[in-house]
Full PDB file with SEQRES, HELIX, SHEET, SSBOND, CRYST1, ORIGX, SCALE, CONECT and MASTER records, all heavy atoms in Angstrom:
SEQRES   1 A   34  ALA SER GLY GLY SER TYR ILE ALA SER GLN THR VAL LYS          
SEQRES   2 A   34  LYS VAL ILE GLU ILE ASN PRO TYR LEU LEU GLY THR MET          
SEQRES   3 A   34  ALA GLY GLY ALA ALA ASP CYS GLN                              
HELIX    1 AA1 ALA A   30  CYS A   33  1                                   4    
SHEET    1 AA1 2 SER A   2  GLY A   3  0                                        
SHEET    2 AA1 2 TYR A   6  ILE A   7 -1                                        
SHEET    1 AA2 2 VAL A  15  ASN A  19  0                                        
SHEET    2 AA2 2 LEU A  22  THR A  25 -1                                        
CRYST1    1.000    1.000    1.000  90.00  90.00  90.00 P 1           1          
ORIGX1      1.000000  0.000000  0.000000        0.00000                         
ORIGX2      0.000000  1.000000  0.000000        0.00000                         
ORIGX3      0.000000  0.000000  1.000000        0.00000                         
SCALE1      1.000000  0.000000  0.000000        0.00000                         
SCALE2      0.000000  1.000000  0.000000        0.00000                         
SCALE3      0.000000  0.000000  1.000000        0.00000                         
ATOM      1  N   ALA A   1     -13.401  -1.326  10.202  1.00  0.00           N  
ATOM      2  CA  ALA A   1     -12.076  -1.341  10.816  1.00  0.00           C  
ATOM      3  C   ALA A   1     -12.263  -1.094  12.306  1.00  0.00           C  
ATOM      4  O   ALA A   1     -12.898  -0.110  12.697  1.00  0.00           O  
ATOM      5  CB  ALA A   1     -11.183  -0.265  10.218  1.00  0.00           C  
ATOM      6  N   SER A   2     -11.724  -1.988  13.123  1.00  0.00           N  
ATOM      7  CA  SER A   2     -11.920  -1.864  14.565  1.00  0.00           C  
ATOM      8  C   SER A   2     -10.614  -2.103  15.303  1.00  0.00           C  
ATOM      9  O   SER A   2      -9.716  -2.795  14.813  1.00  0.00           O  
ATOM     10  CB  SER A   2     -12.969  -2.882  15.050  1.00  0.00           C  
ATOM     11  OG  SER A   2     -12.558  -4.203  14.737  1.00  0.00           O  
ATOM     12  N   GLY A   3     -10.532  -1.514  16.490  1.00  0.00           N  
ATOM     13  CA  GLY A   3      -9.423  -1.748  17.401  1.00  0.00           C  
ATOM     14  C   GLY A   3     -10.022  -2.122  18.740  1.00  0.00           C  
ATOM     15  O   GLY A   3     -10.350  -1.245  19.530  1.00  0.00           O  
ATOM     16  N   GLY A   4     -10.242  -3.402  18.948  1.00  0.00           N  
ATOM     17  CA  GLY A   4     -10.984  -3.822  20.125  1.00  0.00           C  
ATOM     18  C   GLY A   4     -12.449  -3.412  19.987  1.00  0.00           C  
ATOM     19  O   GLY A   4     -13.088  -3.669  18.976  1.00  0.00           O  
ATOM     20  N   SER A   5     -12.960  -2.729  20.995  1.00  0.00           N  
ATOM     21  CA  SER A   5     -14.361  -2.296  20.959  1.00  0.00           C  
ATOM     22  C   SER A   5     -14.550  -0.975  20.217  1.00  0.00           C  
ATOM     23  O   SER A   5     -15.684  -0.525  20.039  1.00  0.00           O  
ATOM     24  CB  SER A   5     -14.895  -2.147  22.393  1.00  0.00           C  
ATOM     25  OG  SER A   5     -14.118  -1.196  23.111  1.00  0.00           O  
ATOM     26  N   TYR A   6     -13.454  -0.358  19.797  1.00  0.00           N  
ATOM     27  CA  TYR A   6     -13.538   0.922  19.093  1.00  0.00           C  
ATOM     28  C   TYR A   6     -13.673   0.680  17.597  1.00  0.00           C  
ATOM     29  O   TYR A   6     -12.843  -0.005  16.984  1.00  0.00           O  
ATOM     30  CB  TYR A   6     -12.286   1.765  19.375  1.00  0.00           C  
ATOM     31  CG  TYR A   6     -12.212   3.036  18.549  1.00  0.00           C  
ATOM     32  CD1 TYR A   6     -13.100   4.074  18.773  1.00  0.00           C  
ATOM     33  CD2 TYR A   6     -11.260   3.176  17.542  1.00  0.00           C  
ATOM     34  CE1 TYR A   6     -13.039   5.233  18.023  1.00  0.00           C  
ATOM     35  CE2 TYR A   6     -11.189   4.335  16.787  1.00  0.00           C  
ATOM     36  CZ  TYR A   6     -12.083   5.360  17.036  1.00  0.00           C  
ATOM     37  OH  TYR A   6     -12.038   6.498  16.290  1.00  0.00           O  
ATOM     38  N   ILE A   7     -14.715   1.252  16.997  1.00  0.00           N  
ATOM     39  CA  ILE A   7     -14.921   1.146  15.549  1.00  0.00           C  
ATOM     40  C   ILE A   7     -14.295   2.378  14.902  1.00  0.00           C  
ATOM     41  O   ILE A   7     -14.786   3.493  15.053  1.00  0.00           O  
ATOM     42  CB  ILE A   7     -16.419   1.044  15.202  1.00  0.00           C  
ATOM     43  CG1 ILE A   7     -17.008  -0.222  15.834  1.00  0.00           C  
ATOM     44  CG2 ILE A   7     -16.618   1.024  13.685  1.00  0.00           C  
ATOM     45  CD1 ILE A   7     -18.517  -0.338  15.679  1.00  0.00           C  
ATOM     46  N   ALA A   8     -13.214   2.157  14.161  1.00  0.00           N  
ATOM     47  CA  ALA A   8     -12.484   3.270  13.565  1.00  0.00           C  
ATOM     48  C   ALA A   8     -13.130   3.743  12.270  1.00  0.00           C  
ATOM     49  O   ALA A   8     -13.096   4.928  11.951  1.00  0.00           O  
ATOM     50  CB  ALA A   8     -11.036   2.865  13.303  1.00  0.00           C  
ATOM     51  N   SER A   9     -13.686   2.823  11.517  1.00  0.00           N  
ATOM     52  CA  SER A   9     -14.279   3.180  10.229  1.00  0.00           C  
ATOM     53  C   SER A   9     -15.272   2.110   9.810  1.00  0.00           C  
ATOM     54  O   SER A   9     -15.126   0.936  10.166  1.00  0.00           O  
ATOM     55  CB  SER A   9     -13.195   3.335   9.162  1.00  0.00           C  
ATOM     56  OG  SER A   9     -13.777   3.555   7.885  1.00  0.00           O  
ATOM     57  N   GLN A  10     -16.263   2.530   9.041  1.00  0.00           N  
ATOM     58  CA  GLN A  10     -17.237   1.598   8.466  1.00  0.00           C  
ATOM     59  C   GLN A  10     -17.108   1.526   6.945  1.00  0.00           C  
ATOM     60  O   GLN A  10     -17.925   0.876   6.302  1.00  0.00           O  
ATOM     61  CB  GLN A  10     -18.667   2.060   8.814  1.00  0.00           C  
ATOM     62  CG  GLN A  10     -19.024   1.943  10.278  1.00  0.00           C  
ATOM     63  CD  GLN A  10     -19.480   0.555  10.663  1.00  0.00           C  
ATOM     64  OE1 GLN A  10     -18.729  -0.405  10.598  1.00  0.00           O  
ATOM     65  NE2 GLN A  10     -20.747   0.442  11.036  1.00  0.00           N  
ATOM     66  N   THR A  11     -16.098   2.169   6.402  1.00  0.00           N  
ATOM     67  CA  THR A  11     -15.994   2.250   4.933  1.00  0.00           C  
ATOM     68  C   THR A  11     -14.600   1.883   4.435  1.00  0.00           C  
ATOM     69  O   THR A  11     -14.100   2.474   3.483  1.00  0.00           O  
ATOM     70  CB  THR A  11     -16.354   3.669   4.451  1.00  0.00           C  
ATOM     71  OG1 THR A  11     -15.492   4.612   5.102  1.00  0.00           O  
ATOM     72  CG2 THR A  11     -17.797   4.004   4.760  1.00  0.00           C  
ATOM     73  N   VAL A  12     -13.965   0.910   5.069  1.00  0.00           N  
ATOM     74  CA  VAL A  12     -12.622   0.508   4.661  1.00  0.00           C  
ATOM     75  C   VAL A  12     -12.699  -0.353   3.395  1.00  0.00           C  
ATOM     76  O   VAL A  12     -13.559  -1.223   3.262  1.00  0.00           O  
ATOM     77  CB  VAL A  12     -11.921  -0.275   5.782  1.00  0.00           C  
ATOM     78  CG1 VAL A  12     -10.583  -0.810   5.307  1.00  0.00           C  
ATOM     79  CG2 VAL A  12     -11.736   0.611   6.991  1.00  0.00           C  
ATOM     80  N   LYS A  13     -11.793  -0.096   2.497  1.00  0.00           N  
ATOM     81  CA  LYS A  13     -11.701  -0.873   1.249  1.00  0.00           C  
ATOM     82  C   LYS A  13     -10.782  -2.063   1.505  1.00  0.00           C  
ATOM     83  O   LYS A  13      -9.568  -1.928   1.537  1.00  0.00           O  
ATOM     84  CB  LYS A  13     -11.145   0.023   0.141  1.00  0.00           C  
ATOM     85  CG  LYS A  13     -11.085  -0.609  -1.219  1.00  0.00           C  
ATOM     86  CD  LYS A  13     -10.527   0.389  -2.224  1.00  0.00           C  
ATOM     87  CE  LYS A  13     -10.399  -0.221  -3.599  1.00  0.00           C  
ATOM     88  NZ  LYS A  13      -9.812   0.748  -4.556  1.00  0.00           N  
ATOM     89  N   LYS A  14     -11.361  -3.251   1.662  1.00  0.00           N  
ATOM     90  CA  LYS A  14     -10.593  -4.432   2.039  1.00  0.00           C  
ATOM     91  C   LYS A  14     -10.232  -5.325   0.858  1.00  0.00           C  
ATOM     92  O   LYS A  14      -9.673  -6.406   1.057  1.00  0.00           O  
ATOM     93  CB  LYS A  14     -11.356  -5.241   3.092  1.00  0.00           C  
ATOM     94  CG  LYS A  14     -11.542  -4.493   4.399  1.00  0.00           C  
ATOM     95  CD  LYS A  14     -12.179  -5.346   5.461  1.00  0.00           C  
ATOM     96  CE  LYS A  14     -12.371  -4.541   6.752  1.00  0.00           C  
ATOM     97  NZ  LYS A  14     -12.982  -5.347   7.818  1.00  0.00           N  
ATOM     98  N   VAL A  15     -10.559  -4.899  -0.337  1.00  0.00           N  
ATOM     99  CA  VAL A  15     -10.094  -5.588  -1.540  1.00  0.00           C  
ATOM    100  C   VAL A  15      -9.143  -4.638  -2.264  1.00  0.00           C  
ATOM    101  O   VAL A  15      -9.519  -3.518  -2.601  1.00  0.00           O  
ATOM    102  CB  VAL A  15     -11.255  -5.990  -2.463  1.00  0.00           C  
ATOM    103  CG1 VAL A  15     -10.721  -6.589  -3.758  1.00  0.00           C  
ATOM    104  CG2 VAL A  15     -12.172  -6.996  -1.768  1.00  0.00           C  
ATOM    105  N   ILE A  16      -7.916  -5.092  -2.485  1.00  0.00           N  
ATOM    106  CA  ILE A  16      -6.901  -4.271  -3.148  1.00  0.00           C  
ATOM    107  C   ILE A  16      -6.706  -4.786  -4.566  1.00  0.00           C  
ATOM    108  O   ILE A  16      -6.432  -5.974  -4.775  1.00  0.00           O  
ATOM    109  CB  ILE A  16      -5.574  -4.307  -2.366  1.00  0.00           C  
ATOM    110  CG1 ILE A  16      -5.782  -3.655  -0.989  1.00  0.00           C  
ATOM    111  CG2 ILE A  16      -4.460  -3.596  -3.131  1.00  0.00           C  
ATOM    112  CD1 ILE A  16      -4.580  -3.711  -0.090  1.00  0.00           C  
ATOM    113  N   GLU A  17      -6.860  -3.884  -5.538  1.00  0.00           N  
ATOM    114  CA  GLU A  17      -6.718  -4.260  -6.938  1.00  0.00           C  
ATOM    115  C   GLU A  17      -5.239  -4.249  -7.307  1.00  0.00           C  
ATOM    116  O   GLU A  17      -4.643  -3.183  -7.487  1.00  0.00           O  
ATOM    117  CB  GLU A  17      -7.495  -3.288  -7.849  1.00  0.00           C  
ATOM    118  CG  GLU A  17      -8.991  -3.239  -7.564  1.00  0.00           C  
ATOM    119  CD  GLU A  17      -9.381  -2.168  -6.568  1.00  0.00           C  
ATOM    120  OE1 GLU A  17      -8.457  -1.621  -5.905  1.00  0.00           O  
ATOM    121  OE2 GLU A  17     -10.579  -1.888  -6.441  1.00  0.00           O  
ATOM    122  N   ILE A  18      -4.651  -5.416  -7.421  1.00  0.00           N  
ATOM    123  CA  ILE A  18      -3.226  -5.529  -7.729  1.00  0.00           C  
ATOM    124  C   ILE A  18      -2.972  -5.199  -9.198  1.00  0.00           C  
ATOM    125  O   ILE A  18      -2.036  -4.479  -9.537  1.00  0.00           O  
ATOM    126  CB  ILE A  18      -2.723  -6.941  -7.381  1.00  0.00           C  
ATOM    127  CG1 ILE A  18      -2.889  -7.183  -5.878  1.00  0.00           C  
ATOM    128  CG2 ILE A  18      -1.256  -7.124  -7.801  1.00  0.00           C  
ATOM    129  CD1 ILE A  18      -2.663  -8.611  -5.454  1.00  0.00           C  
ATOM    130  N   ASN A  19      -3.777  -5.744 -10.075  1.00  0.00           N  
ATOM    131  CA  ASN A  19      -3.788  -5.377 -11.493  1.00  0.00           C  
ATOM    132  C   ASN A  19      -5.176  -5.750 -12.033  1.00  0.00           C  
ATOM    133  O   ASN A  19      -6.010  -6.247 -11.264  1.00  0.00           O  
ATOM    134  CB  ASN A  19      -2.626  -6.025 -12.275  1.00  0.00           C  
ATOM    135  CG  ASN A  19      -2.730  -7.532 -12.388  1.00  0.00           C  
ATOM    136  OD1 ASN A  19      -3.818  -8.107 -12.429  1.00  0.00           O  
ATOM    137  ND2 ASN A  19      -1.588  -8.197 -12.453  1.00  0.00           N  
ATOM    138  N   PRO A  20      -5.479  -5.524 -13.305  1.00  0.00           N  
ATOM    139  CA  PRO A  20      -6.838  -5.806 -13.799  1.00  0.00           C  
ATOM    140  C   PRO A  20      -7.269  -7.267 -13.719  1.00  0.00           C  
ATOM    141  O   PRO A  20      -8.452  -7.569 -13.912  1.00  0.00           O  
ATOM    142  CB  PRO A  20      -6.777  -5.340 -15.262  1.00  0.00           C  
ATOM    143  CG  PRO A  20      -5.726  -4.290 -15.279  1.00  0.00           C  
ATOM    144  CD  PRO A  20      -4.694  -4.768 -14.307  1.00  0.00           C  
ATOM    145  N   TYR A  21      -6.333  -8.178 -13.415  1.00  0.00           N  
ATOM    146  CA  TYR A  21      -6.668  -9.600 -13.337  1.00  0.00           C  
ATOM    147  C   TYR A  21      -6.372 -10.204 -11.968  1.00  0.00           C  
ATOM    148  O   TYR A  21      -6.611 -11.392 -11.763  1.00  0.00           O  
ATOM    149  CB  TYR A  21      -5.890 -10.381 -14.403  1.00  0.00           C  
ATOM    150  CG  TYR A  21      -6.294 -10.041 -15.812  1.00  0.00           C  
ATOM    151  CD1 TYR A  21      -5.737  -8.945 -16.464  1.00  0.00           C  
ATOM    152  CD2 TYR A  21      -7.239 -10.796 -16.489  1.00  0.00           C  
ATOM    153  CE1 TYR A  21      -6.101  -8.610 -17.762  1.00  0.00           C  
ATOM    154  CE2 TYR A  21      -7.619 -10.475 -17.790  1.00  0.00           C  
ATOM    155  CZ  TYR A  21      -7.049  -9.389 -18.416  1.00  0.00           C  
ATOM    156  OH  TYR A  21      -7.432  -9.059 -19.703  1.00  0.00           O  
ATOM    157  N   LEU A  22      -5.865  -9.420 -11.043  1.00  0.00           N  
ATOM    158  CA  LEU A  22      -5.470  -9.917  -9.732  1.00  0.00           C  
ATOM    159  C   LEU A  22      -6.084  -9.073  -8.618  1.00  0.00           C  
ATOM    160  O   LEU A  22      -6.079  -7.842  -8.695  1.00  0.00           O  
ATOM    161  CB  LEU A  22      -3.946  -9.876  -9.575  1.00  0.00           C  
ATOM    162  CG  LEU A  22      -3.114 -11.062 -10.054  1.00  0.00           C  
ATOM    163  CD1 LEU A  22      -1.639 -10.734  -9.895  1.00  0.00           C  
ATOM    164  CD2 LEU A  22      -3.460 -12.318  -9.298  1.00  0.00           C  
ATOM    165  N   LEU A  23      -6.588  -9.757  -7.591  1.00  0.00           N  
ATOM    166  CA  LEU A  23      -7.136  -9.081  -6.417  1.00  0.00           C  
ATOM    167  C   LEU A  23      -6.487  -9.640  -5.157  1.00  0.00           C  
ATOM    168  O   LEU A  23      -6.111 -10.816  -5.104  1.00  0.00           O  
ATOM    169  CB  LEU A  23      -8.652  -9.290  -6.320  1.00  0.00           C  
ATOM    170  CG  LEU A  23      -9.543  -8.641  -7.375  1.00  0.00           C  
ATOM    171  CD1 LEU A  23     -10.991  -9.076  -7.178  1.00  0.00           C  
ATOM    172  CD2 LEU A  23      -9.439  -7.132  -7.326  1.00  0.00           C  
ATOM    173  N   GLY A  24      -6.380  -8.791  -4.145  1.00  0.00           N  
ATOM    174  CA  GLY A  24      -5.912  -9.218  -2.835  1.00  0.00           C  
ATOM    175  C   GLY A  24      -6.892  -8.745  -1.774  1.00  0.00           C  
ATOM    176  O   GLY A  24      -7.497  -7.683  -1.915  1.00  0.00           O  
ATOM    177  N   THR A  25      -7.066  -9.529  -0.719  1.00  0.00           N  
ATOM    178  CA  THR A  25      -7.965  -9.139   0.368  1.00  0.00           C  
ATOM    179  C   THR A  25      -7.155  -8.800   1.616  1.00  0.00           C  
ATOM    180  O   THR A  25      -5.987  -9.184   1.741  1.00  0.00           O  
ATOM    181  CB  THR A  25      -8.956 -10.267   0.708  1.00  0.00           C  
ATOM    182  OG1 THR A  25      -8.227 -11.416   1.183  1.00  0.00           O  
ATOM    183  CG2 THR A  25      -9.768 -10.653  -0.526  1.00  0.00           C  
ATOM    184  N   MET A  26      -7.789  -8.085   2.532  1.00  0.00           N  
ATOM    185  CA  MET A  26      -7.146  -7.637   3.767  1.00  0.00           C  
ATOM    186  C   MET A  26      -7.817  -8.245   4.982  1.00  0.00           C  
ATOM    187  O   MET A  26      -9.027  -8.180   5.118  1.00  0.00           O  
ATOM    188  CB  MET A  26      -7.245  -6.112   3.900  1.00  0.00           C  
ATOM    189  CG  MET A  26      -6.408  -5.334   2.919  1.00  0.00           C  
ATOM    190  SD  MET A  26      -6.792  -3.556   3.003  1.00  0.00           S  
ATOM    191  CE  MET A  26      -6.872  -3.272   4.768  1.00  0.00           C  
ATOM    192  N   ALA A  27      -7.010  -8.849   5.850  1.00  0.00           N  
ATOM    193  CA  ALA A  27      -7.479  -9.269   7.171  1.00  0.00           C  
ATOM    194  C   ALA A  27      -6.270  -9.227   8.094  1.00  0.00           C  
ATOM    195  O   ALA A  27      -5.184  -9.668   7.722  1.00  0.00           O  
ATOM    196  CB  ALA A  27      -8.074 -10.676   7.132  1.00  0.00           C  
ATOM    197  N   GLY A  28      -6.444  -8.684   9.281  1.00  0.00           N  
ATOM    198  CA  GLY A  28      -5.332  -8.499  10.202  1.00  0.00           C  
ATOM    199  C   GLY A  28      -5.051  -7.017  10.370  1.00  0.00           C  
ATOM    200  O   GLY A  28      -5.964  -6.218  10.557  1.00  0.00           O  
ATOM    201  N   GLY A  29      -3.802  -6.637  10.284  1.00  0.00           N  
ATOM    202  CA  GLY A  29      -3.432  -5.223  10.384  1.00  0.00           C  
ATOM    203  C   GLY A  29      -3.622  -4.533   9.049  1.00  0.00           C  
ATOM    204  O   GLY A  29      -3.068  -4.955   8.029  1.00  0.00           O  
ATOM    205  N   ALA A  30      -4.401  -3.469   9.040  1.00  0.00           N  
ATOM    206  CA  ALA A  30      -4.712  -2.782   7.782  1.00  0.00           C  
ATOM    207  C   ALA A  30      -3.444  -2.235   7.122  1.00  0.00           C  
ATOM    208  O   ALA A  30      -3.256  -2.368   5.908  1.00  0.00           O  
ATOM    209  CB  ALA A  30      -5.705  -1.652   8.034  1.00  0.00           C  
ATOM    210  N   ALA A  31      -2.561  -1.634   7.907  1.00  0.00           N  
ATOM    211  CA  ALA A  31      -1.344  -1.046   7.345  1.00  0.00           C  
ATOM    212  C   ALA A  31      -0.459  -2.115   6.714  1.00  0.00           C  
ATOM    213  O   ALA A  31       0.079  -1.922   5.619  1.00  0.00           O  
ATOM    214  CB  ALA A  31      -0.571  -0.296   8.427  1.00  0.00           C  
ATOM    215  N   ASP A  32      -0.304  -3.253   7.400  1.00  0.00           N  
ATOM    216  CA  ASP A  32       0.530  -4.330   6.866  1.00  0.00           C  
ATOM    217  C   ASP A  32      -0.022  -4.842   5.539  1.00  0.00           C  
ATOM    218  O   ASP A  32       0.723  -5.006   4.561  1.00  0.00           O  
ATOM    219  CB  ASP A  32       0.613  -5.486   7.866  1.00  0.00           C  
ATOM    220  CG  ASP A  32       1.359  -5.110   9.138  1.00  0.00           C  
ATOM    221  OD1 ASP A  32       2.125  -4.131   9.098  1.00  0.00           O  
ATOM    222  OD2 ASP A  32       1.174  -5.791  10.158  1.00  0.00           O  
ATOM    223  N   CYS A  33      -1.317  -5.119   5.511  1.00  0.00           N  
ATOM    224  CA  CYS A  33      -1.927  -5.656   4.292  1.00  0.00           C  
ATOM    225  C   CYS A  33      -1.838  -4.662   3.144  1.00  0.00           C  
ATOM    226  O   CYS A  33      -1.476  -5.026   2.020  1.00  0.00           O  
ATOM    227  CB  CYS A  33      -3.390  -6.015   4.544  1.00  0.00           C  
ATOM    228  SG  CYS A  33      -3.636  -7.396   5.677  1.00  0.00           S  
ATOM    229  N   GLN A  34      -2.153  -3.416   3.413  1.00  0.00           N  
ATOM    230  CA  GLN A  34      -2.128  -2.410   2.347  1.00  0.00           C  
ATOM    231  C   GLN A  34      -0.720  -2.219   1.806  1.00  0.00           C  
ATOM    232  O   GLN A  34      -0.512  -2.188   0.587  1.00  0.00           O  
ATOM    233  CB  GLN A  34      -2.677  -1.078   2.874  1.00  0.00           C  
ATOM    234  CG  GLN A  34      -4.181  -1.079   3.069  1.00  0.00           C  
ATOM    235  CD  GLN A  34      -4.686   0.259   3.587  1.00  0.00           C  
ATOM    236  OE1 GLN A  34      -3.915   1.111   4.021  1.00  0.00           O  
ATOM    237  NE2 GLN A  34      -5.986   0.447   3.553  1.00  0.00           N  
TER     238      GLN A  34                                                      
MASTER        0    0    0    1    4    0    0    6  237    1    0    3          
END                                                                             
């Protein structure tokens, strides 16, 4: 997770488990996607 040249985290979970058969991915604003 980065904000320009600042690295906020190296351990962000970018796959969101919607249900046991559905997955969603994150790109863009982390808060919006989550």
